[in-house]
Amino acid sequence: MKDKVEDDGALTVEFLKLPENTEKWPLVMKFLRLRTHVFVERMKWDLLVDKEIEFEQYDTATVATYIIVHRDDYVLGGARLIRCDTRIGNEEHGYTYMIRDAYRGRIPLPREICSSPPPTDPHSWELTRLISITNDRQTARLILDSANEFIKREGGRRCLFLGPPAFLRMASNYGYDPQPMGKVCGNETGRFLAFSCDVI
């Protein structure tokens, strides 16, 4: 995968994946620490934290591609992309991606998050763990638009999202056409929704 860098004023957005981007991996570690601050400390999600980073099975280095928005070395936001034909481990005990594994009952999220089986083709990608710490939503839009361009460049046709219902409204406001994949679900961490957008 060729690294892509775009400038938006003083902001830079990069796509990082091992083993291609080892020299920039400290940015990913800062993103994982930012996830701890946002999801665990502020939102009180019950997630695994080790050495101040929030990390899970989907953060397998050779599987996940990270979108990192930063100004110099200061990370302002990011997200994680996983192609939907991914398999982590074996079929019996392994994982694929969050939305599909929730539907299959492999992770502690409601199966009703999808009303039909999620895709497993190489033209679909999942975006999760979206964080933007700016108040003007510039970073969030930059992440979404950059993800769209990256997926299109990789031959993808659609992106699946998992997040609060406000994400669907945000995507619609930014010119995308989000389609819910199931109903709004909830647990002790809040309300969330899976939806799909065609690449534009």
N, C-alpha and C. Protein backbone atom coordinates (compact mmCIF):
# COMPACT_ATOMS: atom_id res chain seq x y z
N MET A 1 0.85 -1.20 0.00
CA MET A 1 0.00 0.00 0.00
C MET A 1 0.87 1.24 0.00
N LYS A 2 0.63 2.11 -0.93
CA LYS A 2 1.40 3.34 -1.00
C LYS A 2 0.81 4.35 -0.02
N ASP A 3 1.68 4.95 0.78
CA ASP A 3 1.26 5.94 1.75
C ASP A 3 0.72 7.16 1.04
N LYS A 4 -0.39 7.69 1.54
CA LYS A 4 -1.00 8.87 0.95
C LYS A 4 -1.02 9.98 1.98
N VAL A 5 -0.59 11.16 1.58
CA VAL A 5 -0.56 12.30 2.47
C VAL A 5 -1.24 13.46 1.78
N GLU A 6 -2.16 14.11 2.48
CA GLU A 6 -2.83 15.28 1.95
C GLU A 6 -2.70 16.41 2.96
N ASP A 7 -2.64 17.63 2.47
CA ASP A 7 -2.59 18.79 3.34
C ASP A 7 -3.89 19.56 3.25
N ASP A 8 -4.40 20.00 4.38
CA ASP A 8 -5.58 20.84 4.43
C ASP A 8 -5.26 21.98 5.38
N GLY A 9 -4.67 23.04 4.83
CA GLY A 9 -4.18 24.10 5.68
C GLY A 9 -3.02 23.57 6.51
N ALA A 10 -3.15 23.70 7.83
CA ALA A 10 -2.09 23.24 8.72
C ALA A 10 -2.24 21.76 9.08
N LEU A 11 -3.28 21.10 8.59
CA LEU A 11 -3.53 19.71 8.95
C LEU A 11 -2.97 18.77 7.91
N THR A 12 -2.52 17.61 8.36
CA THR A 12 -2.06 16.56 7.47
C THR A 12 -2.81 15.29 7.79
N VAL A 13 -3.25 14.58 6.76
CA VAL A 13 -3.92 13.29 6.96
C VAL A 13 -3.10 12.22 6.25
N GLU A 14 -2.87 11.11 6.97
CA GLU A 14 -2.05 10.04 6.44
C GLU A 14 -2.74 8.70 6.65
N PHE A 15 -2.40 7.74 5.79
CA PHE A 15 -2.88 6.38 5.92
C PHE A 15 -1.69 5.51 6.28
N LEU A 16 -1.79 4.83 7.42
CA LEU A 16 -0.64 4.10 7.95
C LEU A 16 -1.01 2.64 8.18
N LYS A 17 -0.12 1.77 7.70
CA LYS A 17 -0.30 0.33 7.89
C LYS A 17 1.07 -0.32 7.89
N LEU A 18 1.24 -1.27 8.78
CA LEU A 18 2.49 -2.03 8.79
C LEU A 18 2.46 -3.09 7.70
N PRO A 19 3.61 -3.45 7.11
CA PRO A 19 4.96 -2.99 7.47
C PRO A 19 5.43 -1.76 6.70
N GLU A 20 4.54 -1.15 5.90
CA GLU A 20 4.99 -0.08 5.02
C GLU A 20 5.38 1.20 5.75
N ASN A 21 4.79 1.48 6.89
CA ASN A 21 4.91 2.81 7.50
C ASN A 21 5.53 2.78 8.89
N THR A 22 6.55 1.98 9.09
CA THR A 22 7.13 1.83 10.42
C THR A 22 7.68 3.14 10.97
N GLU A 23 8.21 3.98 10.11
CA GLU A 23 8.82 5.21 10.60
C GLU A 23 7.79 6.20 11.15
N LYS A 24 6.51 6.04 10.77
CA LYS A 24 5.47 6.94 11.24
C LYS A 24 4.56 6.28 12.27
N TRP A 25 4.93 5.08 12.72
CA TRP A 25 4.06 4.35 13.64
C TRP A 25 3.83 5.07 14.97
N PRO A 26 4.74 5.94 15.44
CA PRO A 26 4.43 6.70 16.66
C PRO A 26 3.13 7.50 16.56
N LEU A 27 2.72 7.91 15.37
CA LEU A 27 1.44 8.60 15.21
C LEU A 27 0.28 7.68 15.54
N VAL A 28 0.39 6.41 15.15
CA VAL A 28 -0.67 5.44 15.47
C VAL A 28 -0.74 5.22 16.97
N MET A 29 0.40 5.14 17.64
CA MET A 29 0.40 4.96 19.09
C MET A 29 -0.25 6.15 19.78
N LYS A 30 -0.04 7.35 19.26
CA LYS A 30 -0.70 8.53 19.82
C LYS A 30 -2.20 8.46 19.59
N PHE A 31 -2.61 7.95 18.43
CA PHE A 31 -4.04 7.77 18.15
C PHE A 31 -4.66 6.77 19.12
N LEU A 32 -3.96 5.67 19.42
CA LEU A 32 -4.47 4.69 20.37
C LEU A 32 -4.57 5.27 21.78
N ARG A 33 -3.62 6.13 22.14
CA ARG A 33 -3.73 6.80 23.44
C ARG A 33 -4.89 7.80 23.45
N LEU A 34 -5.12 8.44 22.32
CA LEU A 34 -6.26 9.35 22.21
C LEU A 34 -7.57 8.59 22.35
N ARG A 35 -7.63 7.38 21.82
CA ARG A 35 -8.82 6.54 21.99
C ARG A 35 -9.06 6.24 23.47
N THR A 36 -8.00 6.01 24.23
CA THR A 36 -8.16 5.81 25.67
C THR A 36 -8.79 7.03 26.32
N HIS A 37 -8.28 8.20 25.98
CA HIS A 37 -8.80 9.44 26.56
C HIS A 37 -10.28 9.64 26.22
N VAL A 38 -10.64 9.42 24.96
CA VAL A 38 -12.01 9.70 24.52
C VAL A 38 -12.98 8.61 24.96
N PHE A 39 -12.66 7.36 24.62
CA PHE A 39 -13.63 6.28 24.83
C PHE A 39 -13.66 5.76 26.27
N VAL A 40 -12.51 5.67 26.92
CA VAL A 40 -12.45 5.08 28.25
C VAL A 40 -12.58 6.13 29.34
N GLU A 41 -11.76 7.18 29.27
CA GLU A 41 -11.77 8.18 30.34
C GLU A 41 -12.98 9.11 30.24
N ARG A 42 -13.32 9.55 29.05
CA ARG A 42 -14.41 10.51 28.92
C ARG A 42 -15.77 9.84 28.77
N MET A 43 -15.87 8.82 27.88
CA MET A 43 -17.16 8.19 27.62
C MET A 43 -17.42 6.99 28.51
N LYS A 44 -16.40 6.56 29.28
CA LYS A 44 -16.54 5.47 30.26
C LYS A 44 -16.86 4.13 29.63
N TRP A 45 -16.38 3.88 28.41
CA TRP A 45 -16.54 2.57 27.80
C TRP A 45 -15.63 1.57 28.51
N ASP A 46 -16.12 0.35 28.65
CA ASP A 46 -15.36 -0.72 29.30
C ASP A 46 -14.51 -1.41 28.23
N LEU A 47 -13.33 -0.86 27.96
CA LEU A 47 -12.46 -1.37 26.92
C LEU A 47 -11.10 -1.72 27.51
N LEU A 48 -10.40 -2.60 26.81
CA LEU A 48 -9.07 -3.01 27.26
C LEU A 48 -8.08 -1.87 27.05
N VAL A 49 -7.36 -1.53 28.10
CA VAL A 49 -6.30 -0.52 28.03
C VAL A 49 -5.03 -1.14 28.59
N ASP A 50 -3.95 -1.01 27.84
CA ASP A 50 -2.65 -1.52 28.28
C ASP A 50 -1.60 -0.45 27.99
N LYS A 51 -0.89 -0.02 29.02
CA LYS A 51 0.14 1.00 28.89
C LYS A 51 -0.41 2.27 28.23
N GLU A 52 -1.62 2.64 28.66
CA GLU A 52 -2.28 3.88 28.26
C GLU A 52 -2.81 3.86 26.84
N ILE A 53 -2.82 2.71 26.17
CA ILE A 53 -3.40 2.65 24.83
C ILE A 53 -4.62 1.73 24.84
N GLU A 54 -5.65 2.13 24.09
CA GLU A 54 -6.84 1.30 23.89
C GLU A 54 -6.60 0.48 22.64
N PHE A 55 -6.67 -0.84 22.81
CA PHE A 55 -6.23 -1.76 21.76
C PHE A 55 -7.11 -3.00 21.81
N GLU A 56 -7.47 -3.53 20.65
CA GLU A 56 -8.31 -4.72 20.60
C GLU A 56 -7.90 -5.60 19.43
N GLN A 57 -8.61 -6.71 19.23
CA GLN A 57 -8.21 -7.67 18.21
C GLN A 57 -8.23 -7.08 16.80
N TYR A 58 -9.06 -6.08 16.56
CA TYR A 58 -9.14 -5.49 15.23
C TYR A 58 -7.99 -4.53 14.93
N ASP A 59 -7.16 -4.28 15.91
CA ASP A 59 -5.98 -3.44 15.72
C ASP A 59 -4.76 -4.27 15.32
N THR A 60 -4.99 -5.47 14.83
CA THR A 60 -3.90 -6.29 14.31
C THR A 60 -3.14 -5.50 13.25
N ALA A 61 -1.85 -5.38 13.44
CA ALA A 61 -1.07 -4.40 12.66
C ALA A 61 -1.11 -4.65 11.17
N THR A 62 -1.12 -5.89 10.73
CA THR A 62 -1.09 -6.16 9.29
C THR A 62 -2.49 -6.15 8.67
N VAL A 63 -3.53 -5.92 9.47
CA VAL A 63 -4.91 -5.91 8.99
C VAL A 63 -5.46 -4.50 8.92
N ALA A 64 -5.28 -3.73 9.98
CA ALA A 64 -5.89 -2.41 10.08
C ALA A 64 -5.07 -1.36 9.32
N THR A 65 -5.79 -0.45 8.67
CA THR A 65 -5.21 0.76 8.11
C THR A 65 -5.73 1.93 8.93
N TYR A 66 -4.85 2.78 9.39
CA TYR A 66 -5.25 3.90 10.24
C TYR A 66 -5.21 5.20 9.46
N ILE A 67 -6.29 5.97 9.59
CA ILE A 67 -6.32 7.34 9.08
C ILE A 67 -5.95 8.23 10.26
N ILE A 68 -4.89 8.97 10.12
CA ILE A 68 -4.43 9.83 11.21
C ILE A 68 -4.38 11.27 10.72
N VAL A 69 -5.07 12.15 11.42
CA VAL A 69 -5.02 13.58 11.13
C VAL A 69 -4.17 14.23 12.22
N HIS A 70 -3.16 14.98 11.79
CA HIS A 70 -2.27 15.58 12.78
C HIS A 70 -1.76 16.93 12.30
N ARG A 71 -1.33 17.71 13.26
CA ARG A 71 -0.62 18.96 12.99
C ARG A 71 0.77 18.79 13.59
N ASP A 72 1.77 18.71 12.73
CA ASP A 72 3.11 18.31 13.16
C ASP A 72 3.00 16.93 13.81
N ASP A 73 3.36 16.78 15.07
CA ASP A 73 3.26 15.47 15.72
C ASP A 73 2.06 15.38 16.67
N TYR A 74 1.17 16.37 16.63
CA TYR A 74 0.02 16.39 17.52
C TYR A 74 -1.19 15.79 16.80
N VAL A 75 -1.68 14.65 17.28
CA VAL A 75 -2.79 13.95 16.63
C VAL A 75 -4.11 14.58 17.04
N LEU A 76 -4.89 15.00 16.04
CA LEU A 76 -6.17 15.64 16.26
C LEU A 76 -7.35 14.70 16.06
N GLY A 77 -7.11 13.57 15.43
CA GLY A 77 -8.20 12.63 15.20
C GLY A 77 -7.76 11.49 14.33
N GLY A 78 -8.67 10.56 14.10
CA GLY A 78 -8.35 9.43 13.26
C GLY A 78 -9.47 8.42 13.23
N ALA A 79 -9.21 7.33 12.54
CA ALA A 79 -10.18 6.24 12.43
C ALA A 79 -9.43 4.99 11.99
N ARG A 80 -10.12 3.86 12.06
CA ARG A 80 -9.54 2.58 11.65
C ARG A 80 -10.35 2.03 10.48
N LEU A 81 -9.65 1.58 9.44
CA LEU A 81 -10.27 0.95 8.28
C LEU A 81 -9.86 -0.52 8.20
N ILE A 82 -10.84 -1.40 7.92
CA ILE A 82 -10.57 -2.81 7.71
C ILE A 82 -11.39 -3.27 6.50
N ARG A 83 -10.73 -3.95 5.58
CA ARG A 83 -11.46 -4.47 4.42
C ARG A 83 -12.34 -5.63 4.85
N CYS A 84 -13.51 -5.74 4.25
CA CYS A 84 -14.53 -6.67 4.77
C CYS A 84 -14.32 -8.12 4.38
N ASP A 85 -13.29 -8.43 3.60
CA ASP A 85 -12.96 -9.84 3.37
C ASP A 85 -11.84 -10.30 4.32
N THR A 86 -11.56 -9.51 5.32
CA THR A 86 -10.51 -9.82 6.29
C THR A 86 -10.90 -10.98 7.19
N ARG A 87 -9.92 -11.80 7.51
CA ARG A 87 -10.11 -12.85 8.52
C ARG A 87 -8.91 -12.82 9.46
N ILE A 88 -9.19 -12.74 10.75
CA ILE A 88 -8.16 -12.71 11.78
C ILE A 88 -8.26 -14.01 12.55
N GLY A 89 -7.28 -14.90 12.40
CA GLY A 89 -7.36 -16.19 13.05
C GLY A 89 -8.15 -17.18 12.22
N ASN A 90 -8.53 -18.32 12.83
CA ASN A 90 -9.24 -19.35 12.09
C ASN A 90 -10.75 -19.10 12.10
N GLU A 91 -11.46 -19.85 11.28
CA GLU A 91 -12.90 -19.62 11.11
C GLU A 91 -13.67 -19.88 12.39
N GLU A 92 -13.29 -20.89 13.15
CA GLU A 92 -14.04 -21.27 14.34
C GLU A 92 -13.88 -20.26 15.47
N HIS A 93 -12.67 -19.78 15.69
CA HIS A 93 -12.40 -18.92 16.84
C HIS A 93 -11.94 -17.52 16.45
N GLY A 94 -11.81 -17.25 15.17
CA GLY A 94 -11.25 -15.98 14.74
C GLY A 94 -12.29 -14.87 14.59
N TYR A 95 -11.82 -13.76 14.05
CA TYR A 95 -12.65 -12.57 13.86
C TYR A 95 -12.55 -12.10 12.42
N THR A 96 -13.48 -11.23 12.04
CA THR A 96 -13.46 -10.63 10.71
C THR A 96 -13.39 -9.11 10.85
N TYR A 97 -14.55 -8.47 11.05
CA TYR A 97 -14.60 -7.04 11.37
C TYR A 97 -15.77 -6.81 12.31
N MET A 98 -15.82 -5.67 12.96
CA MET A 98 -16.71 -5.48 14.10
C MET A 98 -18.19 -5.70 13.77
N ILE A 99 -18.67 -5.08 12.70
CA ILE A 99 -20.09 -5.16 12.38
C ILE A 99 -20.49 -6.61 12.10
N ARG A 100 -19.70 -7.31 11.32
CA ARG A 100 -20.02 -8.70 11.00
C ARG A 100 -19.91 -9.59 12.24
N ASP A 101 -18.90 -9.36 13.06
CA ASP A 101 -18.74 -10.19 14.25
C ASP A 101 -19.85 -9.94 15.27
N ALA A 102 -20.38 -8.72 15.31
CA ALA A 102 -21.55 -8.46 16.15
C ALA A 102 -22.74 -9.25 15.64
N TYR A 103 -22.96 -9.23 14.34
CA TYR A 103 -24.07 -9.97 13.72
C TYR A 103 -23.93 -11.48 13.97
N ARG A 104 -22.69 -11.97 13.99
CA ARG A 104 -22.45 -13.40 14.21
C ARG A 104 -22.44 -13.78 15.69
N GLY A 105 -22.57 -12.79 16.58
CA GLY A 105 -22.56 -13.08 18.00
C GLY A 105 -21.18 -13.34 18.57
N ARG A 106 -20.13 -12.86 17.89
CA ARG A 106 -18.76 -13.11 18.33
C ARG A 106 -18.25 -12.07 19.32
N ILE A 107 -18.88 -10.91 19.37
CA ILE A 107 -18.45 -9.85 20.29
C ILE A 107 -19.68 -9.33 21.03
N PRO A 108 -19.50 -8.69 22.18
CA PRO A 108 -20.64 -8.27 23.01
C PRO A 108 -21.32 -7.00 22.51
N LEU A 109 -21.83 -7.05 21.29
CA LEU A 109 -22.69 -6.02 20.73
C LEU A 109 -23.96 -6.71 20.24
N PRO A 110 -25.11 -6.03 20.25
CA PRO A 110 -26.36 -6.68 19.85
C PRO A 110 -26.31 -7.18 18.41
N ARG A 111 -26.79 -8.39 18.18
CA ARG A 111 -26.82 -8.97 16.83
C ARG A 111 -27.77 -8.21 15.92
N GLU A 112 -28.74 -7.49 16.51
CA GLU A 112 -29.72 -6.75 15.73
C GLU A 112 -29.11 -5.51 15.05
N ILE A 113 -27.82 -5.33 15.22
CA ILE A 113 -27.15 -4.21 14.58
C ILE A 113 -27.26 -4.29 13.06
N CYS A 114 -27.47 -5.51 12.54
CA CYS A 114 -27.70 -5.73 11.11
C CYS A 114 -28.94 -6.59 10.93
N SER A 115 -29.73 -6.26 9.93
CA SER A 115 -30.94 -7.05 9.65
C SER A 115 -30.68 -8.16 8.64
N SER A 116 -29.51 -8.18 8.02
CA SER A 116 -29.13 -9.24 7.09
C SER A 116 -27.61 -9.40 7.17
N PRO A 117 -27.07 -10.51 6.66
CA PRO A 117 -25.63 -10.74 6.79
C PRO A 117 -24.80 -9.62 6.16
N PRO A 118 -23.84 -9.09 6.90
CA PRO A 118 -22.96 -8.04 6.36
C PRO A 118 -22.05 -8.60 5.27
N PRO A 119 -21.53 -7.73 4.41
CA PRO A 119 -20.74 -8.20 3.26
C PRO A 119 -19.39 -8.78 3.66
N THR A 120 -18.87 -9.63 2.79
CA THR A 120 -17.54 -10.22 2.99
C THR A 120 -16.69 -10.07 1.72
N ASP A 121 -17.01 -9.11 0.90
CA ASP A 121 -16.31 -8.93 -0.37
C ASP A 121 -15.17 -7.92 -0.23
N PRO A 122 -14.20 -7.95 -1.14
CA PRO A 122 -13.05 -7.03 -1.05
C PRO A 122 -13.35 -5.60 -1.47
N HIS A 123 -14.57 -5.34 -1.93
CA HIS A 123 -14.93 -3.99 -2.35
C HIS A 123 -15.63 -3.20 -1.25
N SER A 124 -15.81 -3.83 -0.08
CA SER A 124 -16.43 -3.17 1.06
C SER A 124 -15.40 -3.00 2.17
N TRP A 125 -15.45 -1.86 2.84
CA TRP A 125 -14.54 -1.55 3.95
C TRP A 125 -15.36 -1.10 5.15
N GLU A 126 -14.83 -1.35 6.35
CA GLU A 126 -15.45 -0.90 7.58
C GLU A 126 -14.62 0.21 8.21
N LEU A 127 -15.29 1.29 8.64
CA LEU A 127 -14.63 2.38 9.37
C LEU A 127 -15.18 2.41 10.79
N THR A 128 -14.28 2.32 11.76
CA THR A 128 -14.67 2.37 13.17
C THR A 128 -13.67 3.22 13.95
N ARG A 129 -13.97 3.42 15.23
CA ARG A 129 -13.12 4.18 16.15
C ARG A 129 -12.81 5.59 15.63
N LEU A 130 -13.81 6.22 15.04
CA LEU A 130 -13.65 7.59 14.55
C LEU A 130 -13.57 8.56 15.73
N ILE A 131 -12.52 9.37 15.75
CA ILE A 131 -12.32 10.38 16.79
C ILE A 131 -11.96 11.69 16.13
N SER A 132 -12.57 12.76 16.61
CA SER A 132 -12.17 14.12 16.23
C SER A 132 -12.22 14.96 17.49
N ILE A 133 -11.10 15.58 17.87
CA ILE A 133 -11.08 16.36 19.10
C ILE A 133 -11.24 17.86 18.84
N THR A 134 -11.46 18.25 17.58
CA THR A 134 -11.72 19.65 17.27
C THR A 134 -13.21 19.92 17.37
N ASN A 135 -13.57 21.17 17.61
CA ASN A 135 -14.97 21.54 17.79
C ASN A 135 -15.67 21.94 16.50
N ASP A 136 -14.92 22.25 15.45
CA ASP A 136 -15.53 22.75 14.23
C ASP A 136 -15.85 21.65 13.21
N ARG A 137 -15.61 20.39 13.57
CA ARG A 137 -15.88 19.22 12.73
C ARG A 137 -15.02 19.17 11.47
N GLN A 138 -14.05 20.06 11.36
CA GLN A 138 -13.15 20.02 10.21
C GLN A 138 -12.41 18.70 10.14
N THR A 139 -11.95 18.22 11.30
CA THR A 139 -11.19 16.98 11.33
C THR A 139 -12.07 15.79 10.95
N ALA A 140 -13.30 15.73 11.47
CA ALA A 140 -14.20 14.62 11.15
C ALA A 140 -14.48 14.57 9.66
N ARG A 141 -14.74 15.72 9.07
CA ARG A 141 -15.02 15.72 7.63
C ARG A 141 -13.78 15.33 6.84
N LEU A 142 -12.63 15.79 7.27
CA LEU A 142 -11.39 15.43 6.60
C LEU A 142 -11.16 13.93 6.66
N ILE A 143 -11.47 13.31 7.79
CA ILE A 143 -11.33 11.86 7.93
C ILE A 143 -12.27 11.13 6.97
N LEU A 144 -13.53 11.53 6.95
CA LEU A 144 -14.51 10.86 6.09
C LEU A 144 -14.19 11.03 4.61
N ASP A 145 -13.88 12.24 4.21
CA ASP A 145 -13.57 12.48 2.80
C ASP A 145 -12.29 11.76 2.38
N SER A 146 -11.30 11.74 3.26
CA SER A 146 -10.05 11.04 2.96
C SER A 146 -10.28 9.54 2.90
N ALA A 147 -11.12 9.00 3.79
CA ALA A 147 -11.45 7.57 3.74
C ALA A 147 -12.14 7.23 2.43
N ASN A 148 -13.05 8.09 1.99
CA ASN A 148 -13.73 7.88 0.72
C ASN A 148 -12.73 7.80 -0.43
N GLU A 149 -11.78 8.72 -0.47
CA GLU A 149 -10.79 8.74 -1.54
C GLU A 149 -9.87 7.52 -1.46
N PHE A 150 -9.48 7.14 -0.25
CA PHE A 150 -8.61 5.97 -0.08
C PHE A 150 -9.32 4.70 -0.55
N ILE A 151 -10.56 4.50 -0.12
CA ILE A 151 -11.29 3.29 -0.49
C ILE A 151 -11.51 3.24 -2.01
N LYS A 152 -11.82 4.38 -2.60
CA LYS A 152 -12.00 4.43 -4.05
C LYS A 152 -10.70 4.07 -4.76
N ARG A 153 -9.58 4.58 -4.27
CA ARG A 153 -8.29 4.29 -4.87
C ARG A 153 -7.94 2.81 -4.75
N GLU A 154 -8.40 2.17 -3.67
CA GLU A 154 -8.13 0.75 -3.45
C GLU A 154 -9.11 -0.16 -4.18
N GLY A 155 -10.01 0.42 -4.97
CA GLY A 155 -10.98 -0.37 -5.72
C GLY A 155 -12.25 -0.66 -4.95
N GLY A 156 -12.44 -0.01 -3.81
CA GLY A 156 -13.64 -0.23 -3.00
C GLY A 156 -14.84 0.51 -3.54
N ARG A 157 -16.01 0.04 -3.14
CA ARG A 157 -17.26 0.62 -3.63
C ARG A 157 -18.16 1.14 -2.52
N ARG A 158 -17.92 0.68 -1.28
CA ARG A 158 -18.75 1.18 -0.19
C ARG A 158 -18.00 1.09 1.13
N CYS A 159 -18.48 1.87 2.08
CA CYS A 159 -17.88 1.91 3.41
C CYS A 159 -18.97 1.68 4.44
N LEU A 160 -18.71 0.81 5.39
CA LEU A 160 -19.62 0.55 6.49
C LEU A 160 -19.13 1.31 7.71
N PHE A 161 -20.07 1.87 8.46
CA PHE A 161 -19.73 2.65 9.65
C PHE A 161 -20.41 2.05 10.86
N LEU A 162 -19.75 2.15 11.99
CA LEU A 162 -20.34 1.78 13.26
C LEU A 162 -20.07 2.92 14.24
N GLY A 163 -21.15 3.50 14.76
CA GLY A 163 -20.99 4.61 15.69
C GLY A 163 -22.34 5.07 16.19
N PRO A 164 -22.38 6.17 16.90
CA PRO A 164 -23.66 6.71 17.38
C PRO A 164 -24.53 7.15 16.22
N PRO A 165 -25.86 7.22 16.41
CA PRO A 165 -26.75 7.64 15.33
C PRO A 165 -26.38 8.99 14.73
N ALA A 166 -25.73 9.85 15.50
CA ALA A 166 -25.33 11.15 14.98
C ALA A 166 -24.36 11.01 13.81
N PHE A 167 -23.63 9.90 13.73
CA PHE A 167 -22.72 9.70 12.61
C PHE A 167 -23.48 9.64 11.29
N LEU A 168 -24.65 8.99 11.30
CA LEU A 168 -25.45 8.91 10.07
C LEU A 168 -25.87 10.30 9.62
N ARG A 169 -26.32 11.12 10.54
CA ARG A 169 -26.71 12.49 10.20
C ARG A 169 -25.51 13.29 9.71
N MET A 170 -24.36 13.07 10.33
CA MET A 170 -23.15 13.77 9.92
C MET A 170 -22.77 13.38 8.49
N ALA A 171 -22.80 12.09 8.18
CA ALA A 171 -22.47 11.64 6.83
C ALA A 171 -23.43 12.23 5.80
N SER A 172 -24.70 12.27 6.14
CA SER A 172 -25.69 12.86 5.24
C SER A 172 -25.42 14.34 5.02
N ASN A 173 -25.09 15.06 6.07
CA ASN A 173 -24.79 16.49 5.96
C ASN A 173 -23.56 16.74 5.10
N TYR A 174 -22.65 15.77 5.03
CA TYR A 174 -21.43 15.93 4.24
C TYR A 174 -21.60 15.47 2.80
N GLY A 175 -22.82 15.12 2.40
CA GLY A 175 -23.07 14.78 1.01
C GLY A 175 -23.08 13.31 0.68
N TYR A 176 -22.97 12.44 1.68
CA TYR A 176 -23.05 11.00 1.45
C TYR A 176 -24.50 10.53 1.54
N ASP A 177 -24.73 9.29 1.16
CA ASP A 177 -26.09 8.74 1.19
C ASP A 177 -26.12 7.52 2.11
N PRO A 178 -26.12 7.74 3.41
CA PRO A 178 -26.03 6.61 4.35
C PRO A 178 -27.32 5.79 4.40
N GLN A 179 -27.15 4.47 4.42
CA GLN A 179 -28.28 3.55 4.49
C GLN A 179 -28.13 2.67 5.73
N PRO A 180 -29.07 2.73 6.68
CA PRO A 180 -28.97 1.90 7.89
C PRO A 180 -28.91 0.41 7.53
N MET A 181 -28.09 -0.33 8.26
CA MET A 181 -27.96 -1.77 8.06
C MET A 181 -28.82 -2.54 9.04
N GLY A 182 -29.33 -1.88 10.05
CA GLY A 182 -30.17 -2.50 11.07
C GLY A 182 -30.76 -1.39 11.92
N LYS A 183 -31.23 -1.75 13.09
CA LYS A 183 -31.85 -0.75 13.95
C LYS A 183 -30.84 -0.14 14.91
N VAL A 184 -31.22 0.98 15.48
CA VAL A 184 -30.40 1.60 16.51
C VAL A 184 -30.41 0.69 17.73
N CYS A 185 -29.22 0.35 18.22
CA CYS A 185 -29.08 -0.54 19.37
C CYS A 185 -28.43 0.21 20.51
N GLY A 186 -28.43 -0.41 21.67
CA GLY A 186 -27.81 0.23 22.81
C GLY A 186 -27.37 -0.78 23.85
N ASN A 187 -26.38 -0.39 24.62
CA ASN A 187 -25.97 -1.14 25.79
C ASN A 187 -25.47 -0.14 26.83
N GLU A 188 -24.67 -0.60 27.78
CA GLU A 188 -24.26 0.30 28.85
C GLU A 188 -23.35 1.43 28.35
N THR A 189 -22.82 1.31 27.14
CA THR A 189 -21.93 2.34 26.62
C THR A 189 -22.65 3.40 25.80
N GLY A 190 -23.94 3.19 25.50
CA GLY A 190 -24.68 4.18 24.73
C GLY A 190 -25.42 3.57 23.57
N ARG A 191 -25.89 4.43 22.66
CA ARG A 191 -26.65 4.01 21.48
C ARG A 191 -25.73 4.04 20.26
N PHE A 192 -25.91 3.06 19.36
CA PHE A 192 -25.07 3.01 18.17
C PHE A 192 -25.84 2.39 17.02
N LEU A 193 -25.29 2.57 15.83
CA LEU A 193 -25.96 2.20 14.59
C LEU A 193 -24.91 1.79 13.56
N ALA A 194 -25.22 0.76 12.77
CA ALA A 194 -24.39 0.41 11.63
C ALA A 194 -25.08 0.91 10.37
N PHE A 195 -24.30 1.54 9.50
CA PHE A 195 -24.87 1.99 8.22
C PHE A 195 -23.82 1.91 7.13
N SER A 196 -24.29 1.98 5.90
CA SER A 196 -23.42 1.81 4.74
C SER A 196 -23.54 3.03 3.84
N CYS A 197 -22.41 3.43 3.24
CA CYS A 197 -22.39 4.51 2.26
C CYS A 197 -21.65 4.04 1.02
N ASP A 198 -22.22 4.30 -0.15
CA ASP A 198 -21.47 4.08 -1.38
C ASP A 198 -20.35 5.09 -1.49
N VAL A 199 -19.23 4.65 -2.04
CA VAL A 199 -18.12 5.56 -2.29
C VAL A 199 -18.53 6.55 -3.37
N ILE A 200 -18.17 7.82 -3.18
CA ILE A 200 -18.51 8.84 -4.16
C ILE A 200 -17.23 9.48 -4.70
